[in-house]
Amino acid sequence: MVSKITDDVINALQHCRLKAYFRLRGEEGAQSGYEKLLIEQRANAQRKAIEKIRREYSETEVVTDLNLTVVNLRKGAAFILSPDLKTEHVVSLAAPAVLLSFGFSLLLQPQNMCA
């Protein structure tokens, strides 16, 4: 059985190996009330952070839905919100030196918790 490692699997792995195993196999369980609460709180915190960034920085410093290519990274945006990671021209995340040379660091935000 060939399994595709998705963001959902990686996020589940950060909190619970068993949940990641089930997600990798394509099995989906019912969300608990606690998990729903955490997801809602995380979404609210993310929304507030994005609003604050947009208030404090100019439109040229904040870009959204950008392909992470070397050409686009050279444009020098301070923040890249919702980067497009699904294109063939994306800078390889296996080569963090490329991103660090532009002054970027990767932030992983878990979306799912094992309750």
PDB file of N, CA and C in Angstrom:
ATOM      1  N   MET A   1       0.838  -1.183   0.000  1.00  0.00           N
ATOM      2  CA  MET A   1       0.000   0.000   0.000  1.00  0.00           C
ATOM      3  C   MET A   1       0.884   1.249   0.000  1.00  0.00           C
ATOM      4  N   VAL A   2       0.727   2.092  -1.002  1.00  0.00           N
ATOM      5  CA  VAL A   2       1.488   3.317  -1.113  1.00  0.00           C
ATOM      6  C   VAL A   2       0.728   4.415  -0.371  1.00  0.00           C
ATOM      7  N   SER A   3       1.418   5.092   0.521  1.00  0.00           N
ATOM      8  CA  SER A   3       0.799   6.151   1.313  1.00  0.00           C
ATOM      9  C   SER A   3       1.434   7.490   0.979  1.00  0.00           C
ATOM     10  N   LYS A   4       0.634   8.511   0.970  1.00  0.00           N
ATOM     11  CA  LYS A   4       1.123   9.856   0.705  1.00  0.00           C
ATOM     12  C   LYS A   4       1.238  10.600   2.025  1.00  0.00           C
ATOM     13  N   ILE A   5       2.413  11.147   2.279  1.00  0.00           N
ATOM     14  CA  ILE A   5       2.623  11.909   3.499  1.00  0.00           C
ATOM     15  C   ILE A   5       2.138  13.331   3.251  1.00  0.00           C
ATOM     16  N   THR A   6       1.089  13.711   3.937  1.00  0.00           N
ATOM     17  CA  THR A   6       0.478  15.030   3.775  1.00  0.00           C
ATOM     18  C   THR A   6       0.777  15.898   4.990  1.00  0.00           C
ATOM     19  N   ASP A   7       0.386  17.177   4.905  1.00  0.00           N
ATOM     20  CA  ASP A   7       0.526  18.082   6.043  1.00  0.00           C
ATOM     21  C   ASP A   7      -0.221  17.540   7.255  1.00  0.00           C
ATOM     22  N   ASP A   8      -1.375  16.951   7.004  1.00  0.00           N
ATOM     23  CA  ASP A   8      -2.189  16.414   8.080  1.00  0.00           C
ATOM     24  C   ASP A   8      -1.439  15.305   8.830  1.00  0.00           C
ATOM     25  N   VAL A   9      -0.735  14.456   8.115  1.00  0.00           N
ATOM     26  CA  VAL A   9       0.041  13.379   8.739  1.00  0.00           C
ATOM     27  C   VAL A   9       1.189  13.957   9.552  1.00  0.00           C
ATOM     28  N   ILE A  10       1.895  14.933   9.002  1.00  0.00           N
ATOM     29  CA  ILE A  10       3.022  15.562   9.714  1.00  0.00           C
ATOM     30  C   ILE A  10       2.528  16.259  10.974  1.00  0.00           C
ATOM     31  N   ASN A  11       1.422  16.980  10.873  1.00  0.00           N
ATOM     32  CA  ASN A  11       0.874  17.672  12.042  1.00  0.00           C
ATOM     33  C   ASN A  11       0.447  16.681  13.114  1.00  0.00           C
ATOM     34  N   ALA A  12      -0.156  15.583  12.719  1.00  0.00           N
ATOM     35  CA  ALA A  12      -0.569  14.566  13.687  1.00  0.00           C
ATOM     36  C   ALA A  12       0.649  13.937  14.350  1.00  0.00           C
ATOM     37  N   LEU A  13       1.727  13.735  13.593  1.00  0.00           N
ATOM     38  CA  LEU A  13       2.934  13.120  14.122  1.00  0.00           C
ATOM     39  C   LEU A  13       3.574  13.963  15.216  1.00  0.00           C
ATOM     40  N   GLN A  14       3.431  15.264  15.138  1.00  0.00           N
ATOM     41  CA  GLN A  14       4.017  16.148  16.143  1.00  0.00           C
ATOM     42  C   GLN A  14       3.411  15.930  17.519  1.00  0.00           C
ATOM     43  N   HIS A  15       2.217  15.360  17.562  1.00  0.00           N
ATOM     44  CA  HIS A  15       1.522  15.231  18.839  1.00  0.00           C
ATOM     45  C   HIS A  15       1.200  13.792  19.228  1.00  0.00           C
ATOM     46  N   CYS A  16       1.048  12.908  18.250  1.00  0.00           N
ATOM     47  CA  CYS A  16       0.635  11.557  18.582  1.00  0.00           C
ATOM     48  C   CYS A  16       1.006  10.607  17.439  1.00  0.00           C
ATOM     49  N   ARG A  17       1.926   9.689  17.695  1.00  0.00           N
ATOM     50  CA  ARG A  17       2.375   8.768  16.650  1.00  0.00           C
ATOM     51  C   ARG A  17       1.248   7.866  16.154  1.00  0.00           C
ATOM     52  N   LEU A  18       0.389   7.442  17.055  1.00  0.00           N
ATOM     53  CA  LEU A  18      -0.704   6.564  16.670  1.00  0.00           C
ATOM     54  C   LEU A  18      -1.672   7.278  15.722  1.00  0.00           C
ATOM     55  N   LYS A  19      -1.963   8.531  16.032  1.00  0.00           N
ATOM     56  CA  LYS A  19      -2.847   9.297  15.156  1.00  0.00           C
ATOM     57  C   LYS A  19      -2.207   9.468  13.778  1.00  0.00           C
ATOM     58  N   ALA A  20      -0.909   9.731  13.741  1.00  0.00           N
ATOM     59  CA  ALA A  20      -0.210   9.870  12.461  1.00  0.00           C
ATOM     60  C   ALA A  20      -0.262   8.572  11.670  1.00  0.00           C
ATOM     61  N   TYR A  21      -0.104   7.460  12.362  1.00  0.00           N
ATOM     62  CA  TYR A  21      -0.182   6.153  11.704  1.00  0.00           C
ATOM     63  C   TYR A  21      -1.548   5.956  11.055  1.00  0.00           C
ATOM     64  N   PHE A  22      -2.600   6.269  11.785  1.00  0.00           N
ATOM     65  CA  PHE A  22      -3.950   6.125  11.234  1.00  0.00           C
ATOM     66  C   PHE A  22      -4.189   7.083  10.069  1.00  0.00           C
ATOM     67  N   ARG A  23      -3.712   8.316  10.188  1.00  0.00           N
ATOM     68  CA  ARG A  23      -3.885   9.285   9.100  1.00  0.00           C
ATOM     69  C   ARG A  23      -3.121   8.829   7.858  1.00  0.00           C
ATOM     70  N   LEU A  24      -1.947   8.248   8.051  1.00  0.00           N
ATOM     71  CA  LEU A  24      -1.148   7.764   6.932  1.00  0.00           C
ATOM     72  C   LEU A  24      -1.867   6.632   6.204  1.00  0.00           C
ATOM     73  N   ARG A  25      -2.607   5.832   6.921  1.00  0.00           N
ATOM     74  CA  ARG A  25      -3.370   4.732   6.329  1.00  0.00           C
ATOM     75  C   ARG A  25      -4.706   5.206   5.764  1.00  0.00           C
ATOM     76  N   GLY A  26      -5.031   6.501   5.923  1.00  0.00           N
ATOM     77  CA  GLY A  26      -6.275   7.028   5.373  1.00  0.00           C
ATOM     78  C   GLY A  26      -7.470   6.900   6.291  1.00  0.00           C
ATOM     79  N   GLU A  27      -7.228   6.499   7.529  1.00  0.00           N
ATOM     80  CA  GLU A  27      -8.328   6.362   8.484  1.00  0.00           C
ATOM     81  C   GLU A  27      -8.549   7.691   9.198  1.00  0.00           C
ATOM     82  N   GLU A  28      -9.782   7.992   9.432  1.00  0.00           N
ATOM     83  CA  GLU A  28     -10.158   9.258  10.058  1.00  0.00           C
ATOM     84  C   GLU A  28     -11.074   8.978  11.233  1.00  0.00           C
ATOM     85  N   GLY A  29     -10.752   9.501  12.388  1.00  0.00           N
ATOM     86  CA  GLY A  29     -11.588   9.319  13.570  1.00  0.00           C
ATOM     87  C   GLY A  29     -12.464  10.542  13.804  1.00  0.00           C
ATOM     88  N   ALA A  30     -13.270  10.465  14.827  1.00  0.00           N
ATOM     89  CA  ALA A  30     -14.137  11.589  15.193  1.00  0.00           C
ATOM     90  C   ALA A  30     -13.339  12.579  16.047  1.00  0.00           C
ATOM     91  N   GLN A  31     -13.527  13.864  15.783  1.00  0.00           N
ATOM     92  CA  GLN A  31     -12.855  14.883  16.575  1.00  0.00           C
ATOM     93  C   GLN A  31     -13.524  14.982  17.937  1.00  0.00           C
ATOM     94  N   SER A  32     -12.686  15.077  18.960  1.00  0.00           N
ATOM     95  CA  SER A  32     -13.224  15.291  20.301  1.00  0.00           C
ATOM     96  C   SER A  32     -13.531  16.779  20.474  1.00  0.00           C
ATOM     97  N   GLY A  33     -14.264  17.092  21.504  1.00  0.00           N
ATOM     98  CA  GLY A  33     -14.567  18.490  21.798  1.00  0.00           C
ATOM     99  C   GLY A  33     -13.316  19.283  22.089  1.00  0.00           C
ATOM    100  N   TYR A  34     -12.358  18.635  22.776  1.00  0.00           N
ATOM    101  CA  TYR A  34     -11.097  19.290  23.103  1.00  0.00           C
ATOM    102  C   TYR A  34     -10.317  19.630  21.843  1.00  0.00           C
ATOM    103  N   GLU A  35     -10.272  18.701  20.906  1.00  0.00           N
ATOM    104  CA  GLU A  35      -9.551  18.944  19.654  1.00  0.00           C
ATOM    105  C   GLU A  35     -10.200  20.076  18.870  1.00  0.00           C
ATOM    106  N   LYS A  36     -11.524  20.107  18.827  1.00  0.00           N
ATOM    107  CA  LYS A  36     -12.234  21.193  18.141  1.00  0.00           C
ATOM    108  C   LYS A  36     -11.921  22.533  18.781  1.00  0.00           C
ATOM    109  N   LEU A  37     -11.865  22.567  20.115  1.00  0.00           N
ATOM    110  CA  LEU A  37     -11.542  23.799  20.834  1.00  0.00           C
ATOM    111  C   LEU A  37     -10.130  24.269  20.491  1.00  0.00           C
ATOM    112  N   LEU A  38      -9.164  23.343  20.477  1.00  0.00           N
ATOM    113  CA  LEU A  38      -7.785  23.715  20.139  1.00  0.00           C
ATOM    114  C   LEU A  38      -7.677  24.251  18.715  1.00  0.00           C
ATOM    115  N   ILE A  39      -8.362  23.610  17.790  1.00  0.00           N
ATOM    116  CA  ILE A  39      -8.328  24.063  16.396  1.00  0.00           C
ATOM    117  C   ILE A  39      -8.921  25.456  16.279  1.00  0.00           C
ATOM    118  N   GLU A  40     -10.016  25.696  16.981  1.00  0.00           N
ATOM    119  CA  GLU A  40     -10.657  27.020  16.946  1.00  0.00           C
ATOM    120  C   GLU A  40      -9.745  28.079  17.557  1.00  0.00           C
ATOM    121  N   GLN A  41      -9.117  27.772  18.693  1.00  0.00           N
ATOM    122  CA  GLN A  41      -8.206  28.726  19.330  1.00  0.00           C
ATOM    123  C   GLN A  41      -7.007  29.032  18.438  1.00  0.00           C
ATOM    124  N   ARG A  42      -6.466  28.005  17.790  1.00  0.00           N
ATOM    125  CA  ARG A  42      -5.325  28.194  16.900  1.00  0.00           C
ATOM    126  C   ARG A  42      -5.704  29.072  15.713  1.00  0.00           C
ATOM    127  N   ALA A  43      -6.887  28.856  15.164  1.00  0.00           N
ATOM    128  CA  ALA A  43      -7.342  29.667  14.029  1.00  0.00           C
ATOM    129  C   ALA A  43      -7.513  31.125  14.447  1.00  0.00           C
ATOM    130  N   ASN A  44      -8.058  31.359  15.634  1.00  0.00           N
ATOM    131  CA  ASN A  44      -8.224  32.733  16.128  1.00  0.00           C
ATOM    132  C   ASN A  44      -6.874  33.400  16.359  1.00  0.00           C
ATOM    133  N   ALA A  45      -5.925  32.666  16.939  1.00  0.00           N
ATOM    134  CA  ALA A  45      -4.594  33.226  17.180  1.00  0.00           C
ATOM    135  C   ALA A  45      -3.896  33.545  15.861  1.00  0.00           C
ATOM    136  N   GLN A  46      -4.052  32.660  14.875  1.00  0.00           N
ATOM    137  CA  GLN A  46      -3.439  32.895  13.569  1.00  0.00           C
ATOM    138  C   GLN A  46      -4.059  34.130  12.904  1.00  0.00           C
ATOM    139  N   ARG A  47      -5.361  34.242  12.962  1.00  0.00           N
ATOM    140  CA  ARG A  47      -6.053  35.398  12.366  1.00  0.00           C
ATOM    141  C   ARG A  47      -5.581  36.696  13.017  1.00  0.00           C
ATOM    142  N   LYS A  48      -5.485  36.716  14.348  1.00  0.00           N
ATOM    143  CA  LYS A  48      -5.042  37.918  15.060  1.00  0.00           C
ATOM    144  C   LYS A  48      -3.596  38.271  14.719  1.00  0.00           C
ATOM    145  N   ALA A  49      -2.737  37.260  14.604  1.00  0.00           N
ATOM    146  CA  ALA A  49      -1.333  37.506  14.263  1.00  0.00           C
ATOM    147  C   ALA A  49      -1.211  38.101  12.862  1.00  0.00           C
ATOM    148  N   ILE A  50      -1.981  37.569  11.918  1.00  0.00           N
ATOM    149  CA  ILE A  50      -1.947  38.087  10.549  1.00  0.00           C
ATOM    150  C   ILE A  50      -2.463  39.520  10.510  1.00  0.00           C
ATOM    151  N   GLU A  51      -3.526  39.808  11.246  1.00  0.00           N
ATOM    152  CA  GLU A  51      -4.057  41.174  11.308  1.00  0.00           C
ATOM    153  C   GLU A  51      -3.007  42.132  11.868  1.00  0.00           C
ATOM    154  N   LYS A  52      -2.303  41.710  12.916  1.00  0.00           N
ATOM    155  CA  LYS A  52      -1.271  42.558  13.517  1.00  0.00           C
ATOM    156  C   LYS A  52      -0.121  42.796  12.541  1.00  0.00           C
ATOM    157  N   ILE A  53       0.309  41.761  11.848  1.00  0.00           N
ATOM    158  CA  ILE A  53       1.382  41.909  10.864  1.00  0.00           C
ATOM    159  C   ILE A  53       0.964  42.887   9.774  1.00  0.00           C
ATOM    160  N   ARG A  54      -0.266  42.754   9.277  1.00  0.00           N
ATOM    161  CA  ARG A  54      -0.744  43.654   8.218  1.00  0.00           C
ATOM    162  C   ARG A  54      -0.861  45.101   8.696  1.00  0.00           C
ATOM    163  N   ARG A  55      -1.192  45.292   9.988  1.00  0.00           N
ATOM    164  CA  ARG A  55      -1.281  46.645  10.544  1.00  0.00           C
ATOM    165  C   ARG A  55       0.091  47.287  10.669  1.00  0.00           C
ATOM    166  N   GLU A  56       1.081  46.519  11.075  1.00  0.00           N
ATOM    167  CA  GLU A  56       2.382  47.077  11.414  1.00  0.00           C
ATOM    168  C   GLU A  56       3.373  47.143  10.252  1.00  0.00           C
ATOM    169  N   TYR A  57       3.074  46.475   9.147  1.00  0.00           N
ATOM    170  CA  TYR A  57       3.990  46.461   8.008  1.00  0.00           C
ATOM    171  C   TYR A  57       3.263  46.912   6.753  1.00  0.00           C
ATOM    172  N   SER A  58       4.024  47.478   5.825  1.00  0.00           N
ATOM    173  CA  SER A  58       3.424  47.957   4.584  1.00  0.00           C
ATOM    174  C   SER A  58       3.055  46.778   3.681  1.00  0.00           C
ATOM    175  N   GLU A  59       2.233  47.052   2.676  1.00  0.00           N
ATOM    176  CA  GLU A  59       1.780  46.001   1.760  1.00  0.00           C
ATOM    177  C   GLU A  59       2.939  45.391   0.967  1.00  0.00           C
ATOM    178  N   THR A  60       3.992  46.147   0.744  1.00  0.00           N
ATOM    179  CA  THR A  60       5.128  45.610  -0.008  1.00  0.00           C
ATOM    180  C   THR A  60       5.948  44.630   0.824  1.00  0.00           C
ATOM    181  N   GLU A  61       5.851  44.719   2.153  1.00  0.00           N
ATOM    182  CA  GLU A  61       6.608  43.821   3.024  1.00  0.00           C
ATOM    183  C   GLU A  61       5.862  42.522   3.328  1.00  0.00           C
ATOM    184  N   VAL A  62       4.556  42.498   3.046  1.00  0.00           N
ATOM    185  CA  VAL A  62       3.729  41.321   3.335  1.00  0.00           C
ATOM    186  C   VAL A  62       3.117  40.832   2.028  1.00  0.00           C
ATOM    187  N   VAL A  63       3.437  39.591   1.645  1.00  0.00           N
ATOM    188  CA  VAL A  63       2.859  39.018   0.436  1.00  0.00           C
ATOM    189  C   VAL A  63       2.142  37.720   0.794  1.00  0.00           C
ATOM    190  N   THR A  64       1.158  37.361  -0.002  1.00  0.00           N
ATOM    191  CA  THR A  64       0.414  36.124   0.239  1.00  0.00           C
ATOM    192  C   THR A  64       0.419  35.270  -1.023  1.00  0.00           C
ATOM    193  N   ASP A  65       0.226  33.981  -0.822  1.00  0.00           N
ATOM    194  CA  ASP A  65       0.114  33.010  -1.915  1.00  0.00           C
ATOM    195  C   ASP A  65       1.273  33.106  -2.904  1.00  0.00           C
ATOM    196  N   LEU A  66       2.473  33.159  -2.395  1.00  0.00           N
ATOM    197  CA  LEU A  66       3.671  33.301  -3.222  1.00  0.00           C
ATOM    198  C   LEU A  66       4.313  31.938  -3.428  1.00  0.00           C
ATOM    199  N   ASN A  67       4.723  31.649  -4.671  1.00  0.00           N
ATOM    200  CA  ASN A  67       5.511  30.445  -4.932  1.00  0.00           C
ATOM    201  C   ASN A  67       6.894  30.652  -4.339  1.00  0.00           C
ATOM    202  N   LEU A  68       7.394  29.678  -3.615  1.00  0.00           N
ATOM    203  CA  LEU A  68       8.701  29.815  -2.969  1.00  0.00           C
ATOM    204  C   LEU A  68       9.822  29.455  -3.937  1.00  0.00           C
ATOM    205  N   THR A  69      10.013  30.314  -4.910  1.00  0.00           N
ATOM    206  CA  THR A  69      11.116  30.146  -5.843  1.00  0.00           C
ATOM    207  C   THR A  69      12.222  31.119  -5.451  1.00  0.00           C
ATOM    208  N   VAL A  70      13.423  30.861  -5.925  1.00  0.00           N
ATOM    209  CA  VAL A  70      14.549  31.731  -5.607  1.00  0.00           C
ATOM    210  C   VAL A  70      14.283  33.149  -6.120  1.00  0.00           C
ATOM    211  N   VAL A  71      13.692  33.261  -7.301  1.00  0.00           N
ATOM    212  CA  VAL A  71      13.388  34.582  -7.877  1.00  0.00           C
ATOM    213  C   VAL A  71      12.441  35.358  -6.963  1.00  0.00           C
ATOM    214  N   ASN A  72      11.383  34.702  -6.481  1.00  0.00           N
ATOM    215  CA  ASN A  72      10.429  35.379  -5.601  1.00  0.00           C
ATOM    216  C   ASN A  72      11.025  35.700  -4.240  1.00  0.00           C
ATOM    217  N   LEU A  73      11.892  34.827  -3.740  1.00  0.00           N
ATOM    218  CA  LEU A  73      12.525  35.096  -2.447  1.00  0.00           C
ATOM    219  C   LEU A  73      13.466  36.295  -2.527  1.00  0.00           C
ATOM    220  N   ARG A  74      14.074  36.505  -3.696  1.00  0.00           N
ATOM    221  CA  ARG A  74      14.985  37.645  -3.864  1.00  0.00           C
ATOM    222  C   ARG A  74      14.247  38.987  -3.834  1.00  0.00           C
ATOM    223  N   LYS A  75      12.946  38.968  -3.966  1.00  0.00           N
ATOM    224  CA  LYS A  75      12.177  40.221  -3.917  1.00  0.00           C
ATOM    225  C   LYS A  75      12.202  40.842  -2.530  1.00  0.00           C
ATOM    226  N   GLY A  76      12.507  40.044  -1.499  1.00  0.00           N
ATOM    227  CA  GLY A  76      12.768  40.580  -0.167  1.00  0.00           C
ATOM    228  C   GLY A  76      11.565  40.887   0.693  1.00  0.00           C
ATOM    229  N   ALA A  77      10.479  40.182   0.546  1.00  0.00           N
ATOM    230  CA  ALA A  77       9.314  40.405   1.408  1.00  0.00           C
ATOM    231  C   ALA A  77       9.661  40.001   2.839  1.00  0.00           C
ATOM    232  N   ALA A  78       9.200  40.796   3.807  1.00  0.00           N
ATOM    233  CA  ALA A  78       9.469  40.494   5.212  1.00  0.00           C
ATOM    234  C   ALA A  78       8.641  39.307   5.689  1.00  0.00           C
ATOM    235  N   PHE A  79       7.417  39.179   5.173  1.00  0.00           N
ATOM    236  CA  PHE A  79       6.520  38.092   5.564  1.00  0.00           C
ATOM    237  C   PHE A  79       5.897  37.469   4.325  1.00  0.00           C
ATOM    238  N   ILE A  80       5.859  36.145   4.308  1.00  0.00           N
ATOM    239  CA  ILE A  80       5.166  35.417   3.252  1.00  0.00           C
ATOM    240  C   ILE A  80       4.065  34.613   3.927  1.00  0.00           C
ATOM    241  N   LEU A  81       2.830  35.035   3.716  1.00  0.00           N
ATOM    242  CA  LEU A  81       1.689  34.361   4.318  1.00  0.00           C
ATOM    243  C   LEU A  81       1.091  33.391   3.315  1.00  0.00           C
ATOM    244  N   SER A  82       0.771  32.199   3.745  1.00  0.00           N
ATOM    245  CA  SER A  82       0.190  31.146   2.900  1.00  0.00           C
ATOM    246  C   SER A  82       1.039  30.895   1.656  1.00  0.00           C
ATOM    247  N   PRO A  83       2.298  30.508   1.835  1.00  0.00           N
ATOM    248  CA  PRO A  83       3.142  30.245   0.657  1.00  0.00           C
ATOM    249  C   PRO A  83       2.628  29.048  -0.122  1.00  0.00           C
ATOM    250  N   ASP A  84       2.829  29.084  -1.433  1.00  0.00           N
ATOM    251  CA  ASP A  84       2.416  27.987  -2.300  1.00  0.00           C
ATOM    252  C   ASP A  84       3.547  26.975  -2.354  1.00  0.00           C
ATOM    253  N   LEU A  85       3.320  25.796  -1.763  1.00  0.00           N
ATOM    254  CA  LEU A  85       4.346  24.756  -1.705  1.00  0.00           C
ATOM    255  C   LEU A  85       4.071  23.627  -2.673  1.00  0.00           C
ATOM    256  N   LYS A  86       3.104  23.778  -3.554  1.00  0.00           N
ATOM    257  CA  LYS A  86       2.689  22.677  -4.408  1.00  0.00           C
ATOM    258  C   LYS A  86       3.144  22.817  -5.854  1.00  0.00           C
ATOM    259  N   THR A  87       4.150  23.606  -6.107  1.00  0.00           N
ATOM    260  CA  THR A  87       4.636  23.763  -7.470  1.00  0.00           C
ATOM    261  C   THR A  87       5.981  23.069  -7.615  1.00  0.00           C
ATOM    262  N   GLU A  88       6.363  22.810  -8.834  1.00  0.00           N
ATOM    263  CA  GLU A  88       7.629  22.115  -9.075  1.00  0.00           C
ATOM    264  C   GLU A  88       8.832  23.030  -8.942  1.00  0.00           C
ATOM    265  N   HIS A  89       8.617  24.346  -8.859  1.00  0.00           N
ATOM    266  CA  HIS A  89       9.724  25.294  -8.781  1.00  0.00           C
ATOM    267  C   HIS A  89      10.017  25.737  -7.355  1.00  0.00           C
ATOM    268  N   VAL A  90       9.453  25.047  -6.376  1.00  0.00           N
ATOM    269  CA  VAL A  90       9.641  25.439  -4.986  1.00  0.00           C
ATOM    270  C   VAL A  90      11.068  25.134  -4.554  1.00  0.00           C
ATOM    271  N   VAL A  91      11.617  26.039  -3.759  1.00  0.00           N
ATOM    272  CA  VAL A  91      12.936  25.823  -3.182  1.00  0.00           C
ATOM    273  C   VAL A  91      12.834  24.597  -2.287  1.00  0.00           C
ATOM    274  N   SER A  92      13.738  23.676  -2.444  1.00  0.00           N
ATOM    275  CA  SER A  92      13.702  22.435  -1.684  1.00  0.00           C
ATOM    276  C   SER A  92      13.863  22.708  -0.200  1.00  0.00           C
ATOM    277  N   LEU A  93      12.930  22.172   0.592  1.00  0.00           N
ATOM    278  CA  LEU A  93      13.038  22.330   2.036  1.00  0.00           C
ATOM    279  C   LEU A  93      14.149  21.463   2.599  1.00  0.00           C
ATOM    280  N   ALA A  94      14.697  20.565   1.773  1.00  0.00           N
ATOM    281  CA  ALA A  94      15.830  19.750   2.195  1.00  0.00           C
ATOM    282  C   ALA A  94      17.120  20.559   2.168  1.00  0.00           C
ATOM    283  N   ALA A  95      17.074  21.746   1.600  1.00  0.00           N
ATOM    284  CA  ALA A  95      18.256  22.607   1.537  1.00  0.00           C
ATOM    285  C   ALA A  95      17.984  23.897   2.315  1.00  0.00           C
ATOM    286  N   PRO A  96      17.960  23.817   3.660  1.00  0.00           N
ATOM    287  CA  PRO A  96      17.642  25.007   4.453  1.00  0.00           C
ATOM    288  C   PRO A  96      18.657  26.125   4.285  1.00  0.00           C
ATOM    289  N   ALA A  97      19.871  25.811   3.829  1.00  0.00           N
ATOM    290  CA  ALA A  97      20.874  26.855   3.625  1.00  0.00           C
ATOM    291  C   ALA A  97      20.399  27.880   2.599  1.00  0.00           C
ATOM    292  N   VAL A  98      19.612  27.429   1.612  1.00  0.00           N
ATOM    293  CA  VAL A  98      19.083  28.355   0.605  1.00  0.00           C
ATOM    294  C   VAL A  98      18.137  29.346   1.269  1.00  0.00           C
ATOM    295  N   LEU A  99      17.230  28.847   2.105  1.00  0.00           N
ATOM    296  CA  LEU A  99      16.296  29.743   2.781  1.00  0.00           C
ATOM    297  C   LEU A  99      17.022  30.640   3.775  1.00  0.00           C
ATOM    298  N   LEU A 100      17.988  30.099   4.511  1.00  0.00           N
ATOM    299  CA  LEU A 100      18.713  30.901   5.491  1.00  0.00           C
ATOM    300  C   LEU A 100      19.521  32.001   4.828  1.00  0.00           C
ATOM    301  N   SER A 101      19.976  31.771   3.595  1.00  0.00           N
ATOM    302  CA  SER A 101      20.729  32.808   2.903  1.00  0.00           C
ATOM    303  C   SER A 101      19.847  34.013   2.589  1.00  0.00           C
ATOM    304  N   PHE A 102      18.519  33.800   2.569  1.00  0.00           N
ATOM    305  CA  PHE A 102      17.587  34.908   2.374  1.00  0.00           C
ATOM    306  C   PHE A 102      17.085  35.455   3.706  1.00  0.00           C
ATOM    307  N   GLY A 103      17.521  34.880   4.818  1.00  0.00           N
ATOM    308  CA  GLY A 103      17.088  35.339   6.129  1.00  0.00           C
ATOM    309  C   GLY A 103      15.756  34.768   6.557  1.00  0.00           C
ATOM    310  N   PHE A 104      15.326  33.649   5.987  1.00  0.00           N
ATOM    311  CA  PHE A 104      14.057  33.039   6.333  1.00  0.00           C
ATOM    312  C   PHE A 104      14.269  31.910   7.325  1.00  0.00           C
ATOM    313  N   SER A 105      13.282  31.694   8.145  1.00  0.00           N
ATOM    314  CA  SER A 105      13.243  30.493   8.965  1.00  0.00           C
ATOM    315  C   SER A 105      11.862  29.883   8.800  1.00  0.00           C
ATOM    316  N   LEU A 106      11.780  28.572   8.915  1.00  0.00           N
ATOM    317  CA  LEU A 106      10.514  27.884   8.728  1.00  0.00           C
ATOM    318  C   LEU A 106       9.788  27.786  10.053  1.00  0.00           C
ATOM    319  N   LEU A 107       8.515  28.080  10.046  1.00  0.00           N
ATOM    320  CA  LEU A 107       7.684  27.952  11.227  1.00  0.00           C
ATOM    321  C   LEU A 107       6.638  26.898  10.942  1.00  0.00           C
ATOM    322  N   LEU A 108       6.619  25.842  11.739  1.00  0.00           N
ATOM    323  CA  LEU A 108       5.613  24.806  11.588  1.00  0.00           C
ATOM    324  C   LEU A 108       4.505  25.061  12.576  1.00  0.00           C
ATOM    325  N   GLN A 109       3.302  25.086  12.100  1.00  0.00           N
ATOM    326  CA  GLN A 109       2.173  25.293  12.986  1.00  0.00           C
ATOM    327  C   GLN A 109       1.296  24.054  12.944  1.00  0.00           C
ATOM    328  N   PRO A 110       1.275  23.287  14.034  1.00  0.00           N
ATOM    329  CA  PRO A 110       0.455  22.081  14.034  1.00  0.00           C
ATOM    330  C   PRO A 110      -1.024  22.418  13.949  1.00  0.00           C
ATOM    331  N   GLN A 111      -1.750  21.655  13.161  1.00  0.00           N
ATOM    332  CA  GLN A 111      -3.174  21.901  12.986  1.00  0.00           C
ATOM    333  C   GLN A 111      -4.040  20.914  13.764  1.00  0.00           C
ATOM    334  N   ASN A 112      -3.502  19.751  14.097  1.00  0.00           N
ATOM    335  CA  ASN A 112      -4.304  18.713  14.726  1.00  0.00           C
ATOM    336  C   ASN A 112      -3.601  18.208  15.974  1.00  0.00           C
ATOM    337  N   MET A 113      -4.370  17.930  16.979  1.00  0.00           N
ATOM    338  CA  MET A 113      -3.841  17.396  18.223  1.00  0.00           C
ATOM    339  C   MET A 113      -4.441  16.032  18.471  1.00  0.00           C
ATOM    340  N   CYS A 114      -3.704  15.189  19.128  1.00  0.00           N
ATOM    341  CA  CYS A 114      -4.232  13.886  19.507  1.00  0.00           C
ATOM    342  C   CYS A 114      -4.878  14.044  20.884  1.00  0.00           C
ATOM    343  N   ALA A 115      -6.151  13.888  20.948  1.00  0.00           N
ATOM    344  CA  ALA A 115      -6.853  14.107  22.213  1.00  0.00           C
ATOM    345  C   ALA A 115      -7.151  12.790  22.899  1.00  0.00           C
TER     346      ALA A 115
END
